[in-house]
Amino acid sequence: MRILAAFDKFKDSFSAQTACELLERVAYERDPSLEVKSCPLTDGGEGFVEILASRFESRIVPISVRDAYCEEKDVSICLVDIANLNEEARTLLDLPNSGKLAILEMASVCGLSDLPKDRRNPWKTSSVGVGDMLLHARKAQADFILLGIGGSSTNDAGLGALCSLGLKVLDGDGKTLNSVCPEFWQSVADFDSQGLASLPPIRIACDVSNPLLGSDGATKQYARQKGLPENDLDRMEHEMQRLSGMIESSLCQTESKKTVHGSGAAGGLGFGLSLVYDVRLIGGAELLCSWFEIEKEIARADLVFTGEGRFDRTSFSGKGPFKILKMAQHAHKPSVMICGTVEDGLSAEISESFPRVSCKSISNPDWDLRQNIRSGPSLFLDACHSALSTISGVGPVECPVVRDARFKRIRRLKRFLRPLPRRSNVHRYPVLKWFSETAYRRSYLWSFKGREIKSALFFGIWISMLPIVGIQMVVVFFLALLVRANLPIIVALQWISNPLTMGPIYFADYKIGMNLIELLGIDYPRNKLLSQNYDWTHFSYKELIRLIDTFPPMFAGGSLLGISLGVLAVFLYKILSRFYKI
């Protein structure tokens, strides 16, 4: 059975990547034959750069910027060659076939989850760090910018970012204001846009369609969760209305951007940037589905798991889990949605809209929010066990002591294999990077189940004994595709023949090969250089060139040696797996 894990984050508790890993762990506990394909979701918030960078060959660039309180912070941006993207993603983002795309994450510089409760105050936070990131993207010579703006702690209409990009904010005396967070907006009288930096076209990923102002706007809908007191809502809404009108007039905007869908996302960041730059808003869920070709993954899956921290009516506006449910329903695939909480009254609506969905809420109603958040991973594990226990054909849970011991061994093995290619970073490895797209799509290359490991052991040891130094990685990659072997292990085994061991191994290959040829009654000349009685005083380069003639016996001897050692390795693995249940 093939399972697709497509979870969004469980806010303040654990990430989307962790949710997918936990489901994969539970599935393996219950039945090692279950195959889990992980596609973590992001609405443009936490994990945006990491998740997107894992899909294609990319370059991570560390930078230093200012955070929501204008303090120095080290973050990273990602650079991707547009030619490496799939056609679906390029079409959605309206990109050409070549160029450089910079991927930026607003949550990394002014994310709400990075601030403790007592520092969450949208009067004092600023998006200035986003402007810093955009300047770094321009410095890196990006042709296009993809900016994820979910999970922000700001509500400043993007004014902080514009100031970082060169906009001057003036008070009534014509002096430049040093701080432009909302608590100083009453002092704003005018703007000077002459020093604004130029930027390449910007694509903004977000999953909300709220306008800037009004009951559905940035302040009324999201400022509370960013720390704004209830009695300050009207005052901040008034200041936002006044400031947005002033800045639109100052920048000579003939058409108001305040009512555009998505202009209220991230406290109005999209509104502010769109006043000056070529900005296009893209649905975060739609982007992820195109980026990872999730529709195709759903078509391949037998069961779909999705979910997020809280599923409410805003989720119906196009957030990731809702889109996954719709796609699974269209493909006639059964699905399970696991959420922290589900808004009252929505469970029945979900069941009616998606009859193939099983909806589970993991929060304990007897606990407060803090305790539920702290216990989120264990509650999620229990929900995954419960969901998989109802599926026919899935085996029983093994003894906890045996299970924990087995997972300790697996973790030790994974730590040992950490320097080797993984699904998330195969595009960074020499030689293998040319085949990264092919490797990513084939989940069996990353499987640690018995069949894949035995294939990797046998064929990996065999190839490592052959005299084909220089092309081993290419050979084992295509062999792994052919025989469905674990790629990290089969690659690791090629280091058996390294510069220190290569001489003895190849000499043994030659000796074994010559003995085999003699046993078969074939008359094949021996190379004098490899003879024990060779007189080195008569050395000539002709003898060195004749070493080419040693390839056939070396290949024959290497095959015999490699096949023998490979069979032995598989035999030992079977014995060990029986005792230790690896």
Protein backbone atom coordinates (compact mmCIF):
# COMPACT_ATOMS: atom_id res chain seq x y z
CA MET A 1 0.00 0.00 0.00
CA ARG A 2 1.24 3.49 -0.92
CA ILE A 3 0.39 6.36 1.46
CA LEU A 4 0.78 10.06 0.69
CA ALA A 5 1.60 12.25 3.72
CA ALA A 6 0.80 15.89 2.92
CA PHE A 7 0.60 17.78 6.22
CA ASP A 8 0.82 21.47 6.96
CA LYS A 9 2.43 22.71 10.18
CA PHE A 10 0.85 22.31 13.61
CA LYS A 11 1.50 25.87 14.71
CA ASP A 12 3.68 26.33 17.82
CA SER A 13 3.84 22.53 18.26
CA PHE A 14 5.67 20.82 15.35
CA SER A 15 6.49 21.40 11.70
CA ALA A 16 4.97 19.97 8.53
CA GLN A 17 8.15 17.96 7.93
CA THR A 18 7.92 16.47 11.43
CA ALA A 19 4.27 15.49 10.89
CA CYS A 20 5.18 13.60 7.71
CA GLU A 21 8.11 11.89 9.46
CA LEU A 22 5.91 10.82 12.39
CA LEU A 23 3.35 9.24 10.08
CA GLU A 24 6.14 7.46 8.21
CA ARG A 25 7.46 6.13 11.52
CA VAL A 26 4.03 4.85 12.61
CA ALA A 27 3.41 3.21 9.23
CA TYR A 28 6.73 1.38 9.41
CA GLU A 29 5.99 0.23 12.96
CA ARG A 30 2.69 -1.27 11.95
CA ASP A 31 3.72 -2.77 8.63
CA PRO A 32 7.17 -2.36 7.02
CA SER A 33 5.65 -3.02 3.60
CA LEU A 34 3.70 0.26 3.76
CA GLU A 35 5.30 2.87 1.51
CA VAL A 36 4.92 6.51 2.64
CA LYS A 37 5.57 9.40 0.26
CA SER A 38 6.11 12.67 2.17
CA CYS A 39 5.06 16.03 0.69
CA PRO A 40 5.10 18.60 3.54
CA LEU A 41 2.93 21.65 2.86
CA THR A 42 3.59 25.30 3.52
CA ASP A 43 1.37 28.35 3.17
CA GLY A 44 4.42 30.51 2.60
CA GLY A 45 5.32 30.53 6.30
CA GLU A 46 7.75 28.52 8.43
CA GLY A 47 9.76 26.03 6.40
CA PHE A 48 8.95 27.64 3.04
CA VAL A 49 12.57 27.86 1.84
CA GLU A 50 13.59 24.48 3.28
CA ILE A 51 10.61 22.64 1.80
CA LEU A 52 10.90 24.16 -1.69
CA ALA A 53 14.70 23.83 -1.76
CA SER A 54 14.43 20.09 -1.11
CA ARG A 55 12.66 19.52 -4.43
CA PHE A 56 15.17 20.79 -7.00
CA GLU A 57 18.88 21.45 -7.21
CA SER A 58 19.45 24.73 -5.37
CA ARG A 59 22.02 26.88 -3.64
CA ILE A 60 21.47 28.05 -0.06
CA VAL A 61 22.89 31.52 0.62
CA PRO A 62 23.35 32.63 4.27
CA ILE A 63 22.62 36.33 4.84
CA SER A 64 22.34 38.76 7.75
CA VAL A 65 19.18 40.90 8.06
CA ARG A 66 17.08 42.74 10.65
CA ASP A 67 14.25 40.98 12.44
CA ALA A 68 10.84 42.32 13.50
CA TYR A 69 12.51 44.44 16.23
CA CYS A 70 15.36 45.58 13.92
CA GLU A 71 17.89 43.32 15.64
CA GLU A 72 20.50 41.47 13.56
CA LYS A 73 19.54 37.96 12.54
CA ASP A 74 21.19 35.29 10.37
CA VAL A 75 18.85 33.59 7.88
CA SER A 76 19.12 31.92 4.46
CA ILE A 77 17.69 32.43 1.02
CA CYS A 78 17.66 29.88 -1.78
CA LEU A 79 18.65 30.27 -5.43
CA VAL A 80 17.25 27.88 -8.05
CA ASP A 81 17.90 27.71 -11.78
CA ILE A 82 14.52 28.17 -13.43
CA ALA A 83 15.48 25.58 -16.05
CA ASN A 84 15.45 22.94 -13.28
CA LEU A 85 11.79 23.58 -12.36
CA ASN A 86 9.04 21.42 -13.77
CA GLU A 87 6.78 22.87 -16.43
CA GLU A 88 3.78 23.03 -14.11
CA ALA A 89 5.60 25.24 -11.58
CA ARG A 90 7.05 27.51 -14.28
CA THR A 91 3.61 28.00 -15.80
CA LEU A 92 1.98 28.85 -12.48
CA LEU A 93 4.70 31.36 -11.61
CA ASP A 94 4.73 32.70 -15.19
CA LEU A 95 8.48 32.22 -15.51
CA PRO A 96 10.62 31.84 -18.64
CA ASN A 97 12.61 28.69 -19.36
CA SER A 98 15.85 30.07 -17.99
CA GLY A 99 17.17 32.47 -15.38
CA LYS A 100 17.60 32.47 -11.64
CA LEU A 101 14.80 32.34 -9.04
CA ALA A 102 15.42 33.51 -5.46
CA ILE A 103 13.20 31.93 -2.79
CA LEU A 104 12.65 34.00 0.37
CA GLU A 105 10.71 33.34 3.57
CA MET A 106 9.20 36.22 5.55
CA ALA A 107 8.69 34.04 8.64
CA SER A 108 12.44 33.53 8.93
CA VAL A 109 13.00 37.24 9.65
CA CYS A 110 9.78 38.38 11.32
CA GLY A 111 7.88 35.21 12.08
CA LEU A 112 5.29 35.11 14.82
CA SER A 113 6.51 31.77 16.17
CA ASP A 114 9.98 33.25 16.78
CA LEU A 115 8.63 35.78 19.28
CA PRO A 116 7.72 34.90 22.86
CA LYS A 117 4.20 35.81 23.93
CA ASP A 118 5.31 38.96 25.75
CA ARG A 119 6.98 40.36 22.59
CA ARG A 120 4.10 39.79 20.21
CA ASN A 121 2.87 43.32 19.56
CA PRO A 122 2.08 44.55 16.01
CA TRP A 123 2.40 48.15 17.21
CA LYS A 124 6.14 47.55 17.65
CA THR A 125 7.06 45.00 14.96
CA SER A 126 8.22 45.89 11.46
CA SER A 127 8.75 44.16 8.11
CA VAL A 128 12.09 45.93 7.56
CA GLY A 129 13.90 42.56 7.38
CA VAL A 130 11.86 41.56 4.31
CA GLY A 131 13.28 44.55 2.48
CA ASP A 132 16.77 43.47 3.54
CA MET A 133 16.15 40.01 2.06
CA LEU A 134 14.86 41.47 -1.20
CA LEU A 135 18.03 43.54 -1.53
CA HIS A 136 20.15 40.42 -0.96
CA ALA A 137 18.17 38.63 -3.69
CA ARG A 138 18.92 41.50 -6.09
CA LYS A 139 22.60 41.40 -5.10
CA ALA A 140 22.60 37.67 -5.94
CA GLN A 141 21.44 38.68 -9.46
CA ALA A 142 18.10 36.90 -9.23
CA ASP A 143 15.87 37.33 -12.28
CA PHE A 144 12.70 36.60 -10.29
CA ILE A 145 11.85 36.48 -6.59
CA LEU A 146 9.46 34.05 -4.90
CA LEU A 147 8.50 35.34 -1.45
CA GLY A 148 6.53 33.30 1.09
CA ILE A 149 4.68 35.59 3.52
CA GLY A 150 2.83 33.26 5.91
CA GLY A 151 3.26 33.26 9.69
CA SER A 152 4.24 36.92 10.06
CA SER A 153 4.28 38.96 13.27
CA THR A 154 3.77 42.33 11.56
CA ASN A 155 0.83 44.53 10.60
CA ASP A 156 2.61 47.51 9.04
CA ALA A 157 1.27 47.48 5.44
CA GLY A 158 4.77 46.64 4.21
CA LEU A 159 6.06 50.08 5.17
CA GLY A 160 9.08 48.65 6.98
CA ALA A 161 10.11 46.68 3.87
CA LEU A 162 9.71 49.75 1.65
CA CYS A 163 11.88 51.82 4.00
CA SER A 164 14.59 49.16 3.85
CA LEU A 165 14.37 49.40 0.06
CA GLY A 166 14.93 53.17 0.11
CA LEU A 167 11.60 54.86 0.88
CA LYS A 168 11.94 57.81 3.28
CA VAL A 169 9.13 58.51 5.77
CA LEU A 170 8.89 62.18 6.78
CA ASP A 171 7.24 63.85 9.75
CA GLY A 172 5.47 67.22 9.79
CA ASP A 173 8.80 69.09 9.86
CA GLY A 174 10.13 67.20 6.85
CA LYS A 175 12.55 65.14 8.92
CA THR A 176 13.10 61.45 8.26
CA LEU A 177 11.58 59.13 10.87
CA ASN A 178 14.06 56.54 12.10
CA SER A 179 11.37 54.06 13.17
CA VAL A 180 8.32 53.30 11.04
CA CYS A 181 6.53 50.62 13.06
CA PRO A 182 2.82 51.38 13.59
CA GLU A 183 3.24 53.02 17.01
CA PHE A 184 4.90 55.99 15.21
CA TRP A 185 2.39 56.30 12.37
CA GLN A 186 0.70 59.32 13.94
CA SER A 187 3.90 61.26 13.17
CA VAL A 188 3.93 60.35 9.46
CA ALA A 189 3.18 63.30 7.18
CA ASP A 190 4.78 62.51 3.80
CA PHE A 191 7.01 60.13 1.83
CA ASP A 192 10.05 60.48 -0.43
CA SER A 193 10.33 57.64 -2.96
CA GLN A 194 13.28 58.89 -5.01
CA GLY A 195 15.75 56.50 -3.39
CA LEU A 196 13.72 53.29 -3.87
CA ALA A 197 15.80 50.40 -5.20
CA SER A 198 14.77 48.52 -8.31
CA LEU A 199 13.83 44.85 -7.95
CA PRO A 200 13.09 41.96 -10.35
CA PRO A 201 9.47 40.74 -10.62
CA ILE A 202 8.15 39.33 -7.34
CA ARG A 203 5.84 36.35 -6.90
CA ILE A 204 4.24 36.26 -3.45
CA ALA A 205 2.98 32.94 -2.05
CA CYS A 206 0.17 33.17 0.49
CA ASP A 207 -3.04 31.32 1.26
CA VAL A 208 -5.32 34.15 2.31
CA SER A 209 -7.39 36.39 0.06
CA ASN A 210 -8.26 39.11 2.56
CA PRO A 211 -8.23 42.78 1.51
CA LEU A 212 -6.20 45.32 3.46
CA LEU A 213 -9.07 47.03 5.30
CA GLY A 214 -12.50 46.26 6.70
CA SER A 215 -13.98 43.46 8.78
CA ASP A 216 -12.16 40.88 6.60
CA GLY A 217 -8.98 42.92 6.44
CA ALA A 218 -5.50 42.44 7.87
CA THR A 219 -6.15 44.11 11.22
CA LYS A 220 -9.61 42.79 12.07
CA GLN A 221 -8.83 39.21 11.01
CA TYR A 222 -5.22 38.62 12.06
CA ALA A 223 -3.93 41.33 14.41
CA ARG A 224 -5.32 39.61 17.53
CA GLN A 225 -3.27 36.45 16.98
CA LYS A 226 -0.21 38.67 16.52
CA GLY A 227 -0.67 40.10 20.01
CA LEU A 228 -2.87 43.15 19.49
CA PRO A 229 -5.27 43.80 22.41
CA GLU A 230 -8.97 43.70 21.52
CA ASN A 231 -9.50 47.33 22.53
CA ASP A 232 -6.78 48.47 20.06
CA LEU A 233 -8.40 46.99 16.95
CA ASP A 234 -10.34 50.07 15.92
CA ARG A 235 -7.40 52.42 16.54
CA MET A 236 -5.02 50.30 14.45
CA GLU A 237 -7.62 49.93 11.70
CA HIS A 238 -7.98 53.74 11.64
CA GLU A 239 -4.20 54.23 11.45
CA MET A 240 -3.92 51.61 8.70
CA GLN A 241 -6.64 53.35 6.70
CA ARG A 242 -4.98 56.75 7.06
CA LEU A 243 -1.47 55.53 6.25
CA SER A 244 -2.50 53.42 3.23
CA GLY A 245 -4.35 56.40 1.73
CA MET A 246 -1.33 58.67 2.26
CA ILE A 247 1.17 56.27 0.74
CA GLU A 248 -1.03 55.54 -2.29
CA SER A 249 -1.37 59.27 -2.96
CA SER A 250 2.34 59.89 -2.45
CA LEU A 251 3.33 57.13 -4.88
CA CYS A 252 0.85 58.43 -7.48
CA GLN A 253 -1.27 55.30 -7.57
CA THR A 254 -4.25 55.88 -9.86
CA GLU A 255 -5.89 52.57 -8.90
CA SER A 256 -6.28 51.56 -5.27
CA LYS A 257 -4.58 48.32 -4.23
CA LYS A 258 -6.35 48.12 -0.87
CA THR A 259 -9.25 45.99 -2.12
CA VAL A 260 -7.17 43.54 -4.16
CA HIS A 261 -7.52 39.92 -2.98
CA GLY A 262 -4.54 39.07 -0.79
CA SER A 263 -3.52 42.69 -0.14
CA GLY A 264 -4.16 42.09 3.57
CA ALA A 265 -1.88 39.06 3.79
CA ALA A 266 1.09 39.33 6.19
CA GLY A 267 -0.24 42.56 7.68
CA GLY A 268 -0.50 44.22 4.28
CA LEU A 269 2.99 43.41 2.97
CA GLY A 270 1.60 42.51 -0.45
CA PHE A 271 -0.20 45.86 -0.57
CA GLY A 272 2.94 47.85 0.21
CA LEU A 273 5.20 46.06 -2.27
CA SER A 274 2.60 46.15 -5.05
CA LEU A 275 2.55 49.97 -4.91
CA VAL A 276 6.08 50.09 -6.28
CA TYR A 277 7.05 46.73 -7.80
CA ASP A 278 5.81 44.13 -10.26
CA VAL A 279 4.04 41.86 -7.75
CA ARG A 280 1.81 38.87 -8.40
CA LEU A 281 0.11 36.87 -5.65
CA ILE A 282 0.14 33.06 -5.94
CA GLY A 283 -1.79 30.65 -3.74
CA GLY A 284 0.68 28.87 -1.46
CA ALA A 285 -1.20 25.58 -1.65
CA GLU A 286 -1.48 25.81 -5.42
CA LEU A 287 2.25 26.51 -5.63
CA LEU A 288 3.13 23.47 -3.50
CA CYS A 289 0.87 21.23 -5.56
CA SER A 290 2.59 22.37 -8.76
CA TRP A 291 6.10 22.37 -7.27
CA PHE A 292 5.79 18.76 -6.01
CA GLU A 293 3.27 17.59 -8.64
CA ILE A 294 1.00 16.46 -5.83
CA GLU A 295 -1.89 15.64 -8.14
CA LYS A 296 0.25 12.91 -9.69
CA GLU A 297 1.33 11.72 -6.24
CA ILE A 298 -2.33 11.45 -5.17
CA ALA A 299 -3.08 9.44 -8.31
CA ARG A 300 -0.31 6.99 -7.35
CA ALA A 301 -1.40 6.73 -3.69
CA ASP A 302 -3.87 4.29 -2.18
CA LEU A 303 -4.51 6.48 0.88
CA VAL A 304 -3.96 10.19 1.54
CA PHE A 305 -3.15 11.77 4.92
CA THR A 306 -3.34 15.53 5.45
CA GLY A 307 -4.06 18.03 8.23
CA GLU A 308 -2.84 21.09 10.12
CA GLY A 309 -2.88 22.67 13.57
CA ARG A 310 -6.34 24.22 13.30
CA PHE A 311 -8.89 23.60 10.57
CA ASP A 312 -11.44 26.42 10.47
CA ARG A 313 -13.49 28.33 7.93
CA THR A 314 -10.42 30.18 6.68
CA SER A 315 -9.07 26.77 5.61
CA PHE A 316 -11.91 26.58 3.08
CA SER A 317 -10.44 29.62 1.31
CA GLY A 318 -7.84 27.44 -0.37
CA LYS A 319 -5.31 26.41 2.26
CA GLY A 320 -3.17 23.33 1.71
CA PRO A 321 -5.09 20.58 3.54
CA PHE A 322 -8.40 21.68 2.02
CA LYS A 323 -6.89 21.57 -1.47
CA ILE A 324 -5.45 18.11 -0.78
CA LEU A 325 -8.90 16.88 0.30
CA LYS A 326 -10.45 18.24 -2.90
CA MET A 327 -7.82 16.60 -5.09
CA ALA A 328 -8.15 13.28 -3.25
CA GLN A 329 -11.94 13.43 -3.61
CA HIS A 330 -11.62 14.12 -7.34
CA ALA A 331 -9.23 11.16 -7.70
CA HIS A 332 -11.62 8.91 -5.68
CA LYS A 333 -8.94 8.26 -3.05
CA PRO A 334 -9.83 7.66 0.61
CA SER A 335 -8.20 10.22 2.90
CA VAL A 336 -7.58 10.93 6.57
CA MET A 337 -7.39 14.44 7.99
CA ILE A 338 -5.65 14.83 11.35
CA CYS A 339 -5.83 18.29 12.93
CA GLY A 340 -5.05 19.85 16.26
CA THR A 341 -8.57 21.22 16.45
CA VAL A 342 -11.52 21.50 14.07
CA GLU A 343 -13.81 24.51 14.35
CA ASP A 344 -17.18 23.73 15.92
CA GLY A 345 -19.72 22.65 13.35
CA LEU A 346 -17.18 21.99 10.59
CA SER A 347 -16.81 18.25 11.12
CA ALA A 348 -20.30 17.57 9.78
CA GLU A 349 -19.69 19.93 6.86
CA ILE A 350 -16.41 18.18 6.03
CA SER A 351 -18.07 14.76 6.10
CA GLU A 352 -20.83 16.02 3.82
CA SER A 353 -18.46 17.68 1.34
CA PHE A 354 -15.90 14.86 1.42
CA PRO A 355 -17.61 11.51 2.08
CA ARG A 356 -14.32 9.61 1.66
CA VAL A 357 -12.60 11.58 4.46
CA SER A 358 -12.07 10.45 8.04
CA CYS A 359 -11.56 13.54 10.21
CA LYS A 360 -9.67 13.32 13.53
CA SER A 361 -8.97 16.03 16.11
CA ILE A 362 -6.00 15.29 18.37
CA SER A 363 -6.45 17.94 21.09
CA ASN A 364 -7.52 16.82 24.55
CA PRO A 365 -10.56 18.91 25.63
CA ASP A 366 -9.59 18.49 29.29
CA TRP A 367 -6.23 20.22 28.76
CA ASP A 368 -5.45 23.88 28.20
CA LEU A 369 -3.90 25.12 24.96
CA ARG A 370 -0.33 25.13 26.29
CA GLN A 371 -0.51 21.51 27.40
CA ASN A 372 -2.04 20.41 24.09
CA ILE A 373 0.70 22.20 22.15
CA ARG A 374 3.42 20.67 24.30
CA SER A 375 1.96 17.18 23.89
CA GLY A 376 1.20 17.67 20.18
CA PRO A 377 3.68 15.11 18.76
CA SER A 378 2.56 12.30 21.08
CA LEU A 379 -1.12 13.07 20.44
CA PHE A 380 -0.42 13.06 16.71
CA LEU A 381 1.33 9.68 16.96
CA ASP A 382 -1.68 8.20 18.74
CA ALA A 383 -4.02 9.55 16.05
CA CYS A 384 -1.84 8.03 13.30
CA HIS A 385 -1.85 4.65 15.07
CA SER A 386 -5.62 4.84 15.41
CA ALA A 387 -6.11 5.77 11.76
CA LEU A 388 -3.86 3.00 10.45
CA SER A 389 -5.40 0.39 12.76
CA THR A 390 -8.70 0.72 10.88
CA ILE A 391 -7.08 -0.12 7.54
CA SER A 392 -7.40 -3.73 6.53
CA GLY A 393 -4.12 -5.46 5.85
CA VAL A 394 -2.07 -3.31 8.20
CA GLY A 395 -0.34 -5.44 10.80
CA PRO A 396 -0.56 -5.14 14.60
CA VAL A 397 1.68 -2.87 16.65
CA GLU A 398 4.82 -4.58 17.88
CA CYS A 399 5.98 -4.63 21.48
CA PRO A 400 7.04 -1.07 22.54
CA VAL A 401 10.37 -2.31 23.98
CA VAL A 402 11.22 -4.19 20.78
CA ARG A 403 10.03 -1.26 18.67
CA ASP A 404 12.16 1.28 20.57
CA ALA A 405 15.25 -0.94 20.33
CA ARG A 406 14.73 -1.34 16.60
CA PHE A 407 14.32 2.39 16.08
CA LYS A 408 17.52 3.06 18.03
CA ARG A 409 19.35 0.80 15.57
CA ILE A 410 17.71 2.53 12.63
CA ARG A 411 18.67 5.96 14.01
CA ARG A 412 22.28 4.81 14.46
CA LEU A 413 22.29 3.55 10.87
CA LYS A 414 20.86 6.83 9.58
CA ARG A 415 23.48 8.84 11.49
CA PHE A 416 26.16 6.67 9.89
CA LEU A 417 24.65 7.30 6.45
CA ARG A 418 24.12 11.05 7.01
CA PRO A 419 27.06 12.14 4.77
CA LEU A 420 25.60 10.11 1.90
CA PRO A 421 22.98 11.23 -0.65
CA ARG A 422 19.46 11.68 0.70
CA ARG A 423 16.27 12.42 -1.13
CA SER A 424 16.39 16.05 0.02
CA ASN A 425 19.99 16.73 -1.02
CA VAL A 426 20.84 14.32 -3.85
CA HIS A 427 20.93 17.30 -6.24
CA ARG A 428 24.03 18.60 -4.43
CA TYR A 429 26.24 15.55 -5.07
CA PRO A 430 28.80 15.38 -7.89
CA VAL A 431 27.74 13.09 -10.76
CA LEU A 432 24.43 12.17 -9.03
CA LYS A 433 23.11 15.75 -9.32
CA TRP A 434 22.57 15.20 -13.06
CA PHE A 435 20.07 12.47 -12.18
CA SER A 436 18.50 14.18 -9.12
CA GLU A 437 15.07 14.60 -10.73
CA THR A 438 14.92 10.90 -11.63
CA ALA A 439 16.17 9.89 -8.17
CA TYR A 440 13.65 12.10 -6.34
CA ARG A 441 10.68 10.59 -8.13
CA ARG A 442 11.55 6.98 -7.26
CA SER A 443 10.79 6.38 -3.61
CA TYR A 444 12.27 2.85 -3.60
CA LEU A 445 15.75 4.36 -3.97
CA TRP A 446 15.36 5.75 -0.43
CA SER A 447 13.63 2.76 1.15
CA PHE A 448 15.31 0.91 4.02
CA LYS A 449 13.12 -2.17 3.68
CA GLY A 450 14.73 -5.58 3.41
CA ARG A 451 14.39 -6.05 -0.35
CA GLU A 452 15.99 -2.71 -1.23
CA ILE A 453 18.82 -3.16 1.30
CA LYS A 454 19.65 -6.70 0.09
CA SER A 455 19.77 -5.51 -3.52
CA ALA A 456 22.05 -2.64 -2.52
CA LEU A 457 24.38 -4.94 -0.54
CA PHE A 458 24.74 -7.53 -3.29
CA PHE A 459 25.13 -5.24 -6.29
CA GLY A 460 27.01 -2.52 -4.39
CA ILE A 461 29.74 -4.93 -3.25
CA TRP A 462 29.93 -6.54 -6.68
CA ILE A 463 30.45 -3.22 -8.48
CA SER A 464 32.97 -2.02 -5.87
CA MET A 465 35.22 -4.99 -6.77
CA LEU A 466 35.24 -4.22 -10.50
CA PRO A 467 38.11 -2.23 -12.10
CA ILE A 468 35.87 0.64 -13.25
CA VAL A 469 37.12 3.47 -11.06
CA GLY A 470 35.80 6.85 -12.25
CA ILE A 471 32.42 5.62 -13.49
CA GLN A 472 31.28 3.61 -10.46
CA MET A 473 28.73 6.22 -9.31
CA VAL A 474 27.01 6.38 -12.68
CA VAL A 475 26.97 2.59 -12.95
CA VAL A 476 25.49 2.03 -9.48
CA PHE A 477 22.87 4.75 -9.98
CA PHE A 478 21.43 3.13 -13.10
CA LEU A 479 21.82 -0.31 -11.53
CA ALA A 480 19.86 0.90 -8.47
CA LEU A 481 17.06 1.99 -10.82
CA LEU A 482 17.11 -1.37 -12.57
CA VAL A 483 17.17 -3.64 -9.50
CA ARG A 484 15.26 -1.29 -7.11
CA ALA A 485 18.13 -0.94 -4.63
CA ASN A 486 18.66 1.57 -1.79
CA LEU A 487 20.72 4.41 -3.31
CA PRO A 488 22.61 5.68 -0.20
CA ILE A 489 23.84 2.18 0.67
CA ILE A 490 24.84 1.19 -2.86
CA VAL A 491 26.75 4.49 -3.20
CA ALA A 492 28.41 4.06 0.22
CA LEU A 493 29.69 0.62 -0.72
CA GLN A 494 31.71 2.08 -3.59
CA TRP A 495 34.12 3.50 -1.02
CA ILE A 496 35.31 -0.05 -0.37
CA SER A 497 37.60 0.55 -3.34
CA ASN A 498 39.30 3.81 -2.36
CA PRO A 499 42.82 5.10 -3.08
CA LEU A 500 44.17 3.05 -0.14
CA THR A 501 42.50 -0.26 -1.01
CA MET A 502 42.33 0.00 -4.77
CA GLY A 503 45.79 -1.54 -5.41
CA PRO A 504 45.29 -4.69 -3.31
CA ILE A 505 41.73 -5.20 -4.60
CA TYR A 506 42.66 -4.86 -8.27
CA PHE A 507 45.73 -7.09 -7.82
CA ALA A 508 43.50 -9.74 -6.21
CA ASP A 509 41.04 -9.31 -9.13
CA TYR A 510 43.86 -9.99 -11.58
CA LYS A 511 45.17 -13.07 -9.77
CA ILE A 512 41.70 -14.57 -9.35
CA GLY A 513 40.83 -13.77 -12.97
CA MET A 514 44.00 -15.39 -14.33
CA ASN A 515 43.41 -18.53 -12.25
CA LEU A 516 39.83 -18.67 -13.51
CA ILE A 517 40.99 -18.32 -17.12
CA GLU A 518 43.54 -21.13 -16.64
CA LEU A 519 40.85 -23.37 -15.12
CA LEU A 520 38.74 -22.79 -18.21
CA GLY A 521 41.68 -23.85 -20.37
CA ILE A 522 42.06 -20.47 -22.09
CA ASP A 523 45.57 -19.45 -23.12
CA TYR A 524 45.90 -15.80 -22.02
CA PRO A 525 49.29 -14.02 -21.68
CA ARG A 526 50.29 -12.84 -18.21
CA ASN A 527 51.55 -9.30 -17.74
CA LYS A 528 55.23 -9.30 -16.82
CA LEU A 529 54.92 -6.24 -14.54
CA LEU A 530 52.60 -8.18 -12.22
CA SER A 531 54.98 -11.15 -12.04
CA GLN A 532 56.87 -11.76 -8.78
CA ASN A 533 60.13 -12.42 -10.70
CA TYR A 534 60.01 -9.33 -12.93
CA ASP A 535 63.44 -7.74 -13.44
CA TRP A 536 62.77 -3.99 -12.99
CA THR A 537 66.12 -3.15 -14.57
CA HIS A 538 64.54 -4.04 -17.91
CA PHE A 539 61.44 -1.88 -17.33
CA SER A 540 59.93 -0.33 -20.49
CA TYR A 541 56.84 1.78 -21.14
CA LYS A 542 55.57 -0.93 -23.46
CA GLU A 543 55.00 -3.13 -20.42
CA LEU A 544 53.05 -0.27 -18.80
CA ILE A 545 50.82 0.10 -21.85
CA ARG A 546 50.21 -3.66 -21.84
CA LEU A 547 48.48 -3.24 -18.46
CA ILE A 548 45.38 -2.56 -20.58
CA ASP A 549 45.43 -6.27 -21.40
CA THR A 550 44.86 -7.03 -17.70
CA PHE A 551 41.32 -5.63 -17.83
CA PRO A 552 39.54 -8.86 -18.96
CA PRO A 553 41.03 -11.05 -16.21
CA MET A 554 40.57 -8.24 -13.63
CA PHE A 555 36.93 -7.87 -14.63
CA ALA A 556 36.37 -11.65 -14.45
CA GLY A 557 38.16 -11.91 -11.11
CA GLY A 558 36.38 -8.84 -9.74
CA SER A 559 33.03 -10.29 -10.73
CA LEU A 560 33.77 -13.61 -9.05
CA LEU A 561 35.10 -11.88 -5.91
CA GLY A 562 32.29 -9.32 -5.81
CA ILE A 563 29.49 -11.85 -6.34
CA SER A 564 30.93 -14.11 -3.64
CA LEU A 565 31.26 -11.26 -1.12
CA GLY A 566 27.83 -9.91 -2.11
CA VAL A 567 26.16 -13.28 -1.46
CA LEU A 568 27.95 -13.47 1.88
CA ALA A 569 26.81 -9.95 2.84
CA VAL A 570 23.17 -10.74 2.00
CA PHE A 571 23.40 -13.99 3.96
CA LEU A 572 24.77 -12.15 7.02
CA TYR A 573 22.09 -9.47 6.67
CA LYS A 574 19.35 -12.12 6.68
CA ILE A 575 20.77 -13.68 9.84
CA LEU A 576 21.14 -10.32 11.60
CA SER A 577 17.68 -9.12 10.54
CA ARG A 578 16.18 -12.33 11.93
CA PHE A 579 17.78 -11.75 15.32
CA TYR A 580 17.42 -7.97 15.49
CA LYS A 581 14.37 -7.42 13.26
CA ILE A 582 15.98 -4.51 11.47
